[in-house]
């Protein structure tokens, strides 16, 4: 019985984390919340797999930003990402940093010919 109560408590905390409001702080709070979820996946899947998925996700986001708003939108979103400490911690944990993000952003803008 004790195990079931503990499991239900953990399940409830997990649901409240996923569906609850993001904690207050600096930067994009939704991104910070998702960063914590992804960080919890590193022990399960390994740094290499998480890094590969992060890079794919970043590239697709940048492509979408270029398409929707050009270089200005990319710069605005990039600054918001850099201002989110949880996301930068996640990137550092998988071996990426701000210069990597900037290079990916420049490549996305150059590839689409955005102004």
C-alpha atoms as a PDB file:
ATOM      1  CA  UNK A   1       0.000   0.000   0.000  1.00  0.00           C
ATOM      2  CA  UNK A   2       2.847   2.334   0.847  1.00  0.00           C
ATOM      3  CA  UNK A   3       4.440   1.748  -2.558  1.00  0.00           C
ATOM      4  CA  UNK A   4       1.208   2.655  -4.346  1.00  0.00           C
ATOM      5  CA  UNK A   5       0.865   5.904  -2.371  1.00  0.00           C
ATOM      6  CA  UNK A   6       4.450   6.842  -3.147  1.00  0.00           C
ATOM      7  CA  UNK A   7       3.996   6.001  -6.829  1.00  0.00           C
ATOM      8  CA  UNK A   8       0.795   8.063  -7.031  1.00  0.00           C
ATOM      9  CA  UNK A   9       2.533  10.987  -5.332  1.00  0.00           C
ATOM     10  CA  UNK A  10       5.410  10.849  -7.806  1.00  0.00           C
ATOM     11  CA  UNK A  11       2.993  10.528 -10.707  1.00  0.00           C
ATOM     12  CA  UNK A  12       1.052  13.576  -9.494  1.00  0.00           C
ATOM     13  CA  UNK A  13       4.256  15.629  -9.144  1.00  0.00           C
ATOM     14  CA  UNK A  14       5.280  14.614 -12.651  1.00  0.00           C
ATOM     15  CA  UNK A  15       1.938  15.650 -14.122  1.00  0.00           C
ATOM     16  CA  UNK A  16       1.956  18.955 -12.268  1.00  0.00           C
ATOM     17  CA  UNK A  17       5.467  19.624 -13.584  1.00  0.00           C
ATOM     18  CA  UNK A  18       4.530  18.821 -17.174  1.00  0.00           C
ATOM     19  CA  UNK A  19       1.156  20.576 -17.231  1.00  0.00           C
ATOM     20  CA  UNK A  20       1.698  23.201 -14.541  1.00  0.00           C
ATOM     21  CA  UNK A  21       2.887  26.746 -14.890  1.00  0.00           C
ATOM     22  CA  UNK A  22       6.600  27.289 -15.500  1.00  0.00           C
ATOM     23  CA  UNK A  23       8.636  28.587 -12.584  1.00  0.00           C
ATOM     24  CA  UNK A  24       9.308  32.327 -12.629  1.00  0.00           C
ATOM     25  CA  UNK A  25      12.729  33.355 -13.856  1.00  0.00           C
ATOM     26  CA  UNK A  26      14.725  34.813 -16.687  1.00  0.00           C
ATOM     27  CA  UNK A  27      14.250  34.016 -20.378  1.00  0.00           C
ATOM     28  CA  UNK A  28      11.645  31.803 -22.005  1.00  0.00           C
ATOM     29  CA  UNK A  29      10.004  29.860 -19.154  1.00  0.00           C
ATOM     30  CA  UNK A  30       8.394  27.245 -21.401  1.00  0.00           C
ATOM     31  CA  UNK A  31      11.794  26.519 -22.892  1.00  0.00           C
ATOM     32  CA  UNK A  32      13.255  26.291 -19.389  1.00  0.00           C
ATOM     33  CA  UNK A  33      10.612  23.770 -18.390  1.00  0.00           C
ATOM     34  CA  UNK A  34      11.221  21.625 -21.465  1.00  0.00           C
ATOM     35  CA  UNK A  35      14.970  21.849 -20.849  1.00  0.00           C
ATOM     36  CA  UNK A  36      14.472  20.181 -17.489  1.00  0.00           C
ATOM     37  CA  UNK A  37      12.460  17.397 -19.113  1.00  0.00           C
ATOM     38  CA  UNK A  38      15.151  16.847 -21.751  1.00  0.00           C
ATOM     39  CA  UNK A  39      17.906  16.959 -19.127  1.00  0.00           C
ATOM     40  CA  UNK A  40      16.144  14.142 -17.303  1.00  0.00           C
ATOM     41  CA  UNK A  41      16.332  12.091 -20.512  1.00  0.00           C
ATOM     42  CA  UNK A  42      20.137  12.257 -20.753  1.00  0.00           C
ATOM     43  CA  UNK A  43      20.775   9.346 -18.342  1.00  0.00           C
ATOM     44  CA  UNK A  44      18.157   7.272 -20.167  1.00  0.00           C
ATOM     45  CA  UNK A  45      19.197   7.898 -23.782  1.00  0.00           C
ATOM     46  CA  UNK A  46      22.756   9.200 -23.517  1.00  0.00           C
ATOM     47  CA  UNK A  47      24.336  12.533 -24.382  1.00  0.00           C
ATOM     48  CA  UNK A  48      24.942  11.715 -28.043  1.00  0.00           C
ATOM     49  CA  UNK A  49      21.310  10.877 -28.807  1.00  0.00           C
ATOM     50  CA  UNK A  50      20.009  13.907 -26.913  1.00  0.00           C
ATOM     51  CA  UNK A  51      22.590  16.148 -28.610  1.00  0.00           C
ATOM     52  CA  UNK A  52      21.593  14.902 -32.069  1.00  0.00           C
ATOM     53  CA  UNK A  53      17.904  15.504 -31.350  1.00  0.00           C
ATOM     54  CA  UNK A  54      18.637  18.958 -29.930  1.00  0.00           C
ATOM     55  CA  UNK A  55      20.585  19.942 -33.037  1.00  0.00           C
ATOM     56  CA  UNK A  56      17.752  18.735 -35.293  1.00  0.00           C
ATOM     57  CA  UNK A  57      15.233  20.632 -33.184  1.00  0.00           C
ATOM     58  CA  UNK A  58      17.301  23.831 -33.195  1.00  0.00           C
ATOM     59  CA  UNK A  59      17.775  23.654 -36.967  1.00  0.00           C
ATOM     60  CA  UNK A  60      14.066  23.150 -37.615  1.00  0.00           C
ATOM     61  CA  UNK A  61      13.154  26.006 -35.239  1.00  0.00           C
ATOM     62  CA  UNK A  62      15.640  28.329 -36.928  1.00  0.00           C
ATOM     63  CA  UNK A  63      14.308  27.370 -40.350  1.00  0.00           C
ATOM     64  CA  UNK A  64      10.786  28.210 -39.189  1.00  0.00           C
ATOM     65  CA  UNK A  65      11.898  31.558 -37.698  1.00  0.00           C
ATOM     66  CA  UNK A  66      13.689  32.527 -40.911  1.00  0.00           C
ATOM     67  CA  UNK A  67      10.608  31.649 -42.938  1.00  0.00           C
ATOM     68  CA  UNK A  68       8.258  33.593 -40.653  1.00  0.00           C
ATOM     69  CA  UNK A  69      10.269  36.681 -39.836  1.00  0.00           C
ATOM     70  CA  UNK A  70      13.690  36.703 -41.436  1.00  0.00           C
ATOM     71  CA  UNK A  71      16.947  37.616 -39.780  1.00  0.00           C
ATOM     72  CA  UNK A  72      15.317  39.890 -37.177  1.00  0.00           C
ATOM     73  CA  UNK A  73      13.086  37.119 -35.903  1.00  0.00           C
ATOM     74  CA  UNK A  74      16.029  34.710 -35.707  1.00  0.00           C
ATOM     75  CA  UNK A  75      18.060  37.229 -33.696  1.00  0.00           C
ATOM     76  CA  UNK A  76      15.156  37.941 -31.332  1.00  0.00           C
ATOM     77  CA  UNK A  77      14.496  34.247 -30.694  1.00  0.00           C
ATOM     78  CA  UNK A  78      18.203  33.499 -30.341  1.00  0.00           C
ATOM     79  CA  UNK A  79      18.550  36.189 -27.677  1.00  0.00           C
ATOM     80  CA  UNK A  80      15.573  34.768 -25.794  1.00  0.00           C
ATOM     81  CA  UNK A  81      17.179  31.317 -25.877  1.00  0.00           C
ATOM     82  CA  UNK A  82      20.510  32.667 -24.666  1.00  0.00           C
ATOM     83  CA  UNK A  83      18.723  34.481 -21.822  1.00  0.00           C
ATOM     84  CA  UNK A  84      17.253  31.181 -20.578  1.00  0.00           C
ATOM     85  CA  UNK A  85      19.805  29.742 -18.121  1.00  0.00           C
ATOM     86  CA  UNK A  86      18.229  26.274 -17.954  1.00  0.00           C
ATOM     87  CA  UNK A  87      18.464  25.829 -21.710  1.00  0.00           C
ATOM     88  CA  UNK A  88      22.054  27.043 -21.812  1.00  0.00           C
ATOM     89  CA  UNK A  89      22.863  24.582 -19.010  1.00  0.00           C
ATOM     90  CA  UNK A  90      21.318  21.780 -21.069  1.00  0.00           C
ATOM     91  CA  UNK A  91      23.311  22.775 -24.142  1.00  0.00           C
ATOM     92  CA  UNK A  92      26.520  22.921 -22.127  1.00  0.00           C
ATOM     93  CA  UNK A  93      25.777  19.486 -20.680  1.00  0.00           C
ATOM     94  CA  UNK A  94      25.578  17.966 -24.181  1.00  0.00           C
ATOM     95  CA  UNK A  95      28.610  19.858 -25.464  1.00  0.00           C
ATOM     96  CA  UNK A  96      27.022  22.848 -27.206  1.00  0.00           C
ATOM     97  CA  UNK A  97      27.398  26.526 -26.331  1.00  0.00           C
ATOM     98  CA  UNK A  98      26.329  29.988 -27.487  1.00  0.00           C
ATOM     99  CA  UNK A  99      28.814  30.105 -30.409  1.00  0.00           C
ATOM    100  CA  UNK A 100      27.308  26.879 -31.779  1.00  0.00           C
ATOM    101  CA  UNK A 101      23.839  28.449 -31.680  1.00  0.00           C
ATOM    102  CA  UNK A 102      25.063  31.589 -33.418  1.00  0.00           C
ATOM    103  CA  UNK A 103      26.728  29.573 -36.191  1.00  0.00           C
ATOM    104  CA  UNK A 104      23.552  27.526 -36.730  1.00  0.00           C
ATOM    105  CA  UNK A 105      21.535  30.763 -36.865  1.00  0.00           C
ATOM    106  CA  UNK A 106      23.900  32.315 -39.426  1.00  0.00           C
ATOM    107  CA  UNK A 107      23.738  29.163 -41.551  1.00  0.00           C
ATOM    108  CA  UNK A 108      19.930  29.139 -41.441  1.00  0.00           C
ATOM    109  CA  UNK A 109      19.750  32.791 -42.477  1.00  0.00           C
ATOM    110  CA  UNK A 110      22.331  32.317 -45.218  1.00  0.00           C
ATOM    111  CA  UNK A 111      20.631  29.174 -46.536  1.00  0.00           C
ATOM    112  CA  UNK A 112      17.248  30.892 -46.849  1.00  0.00           C
ATOM    113  CA  UNK A 113      18.697  34.185 -48.083  1.00  0.00           C
ATOM    114  CA  UNK A 114      16.745  36.125 -45.461  1.00  0.00           C
ATOM    115  CA  UNK A 115      17.243  39.847 -44.913  1.00  0.00           C
END
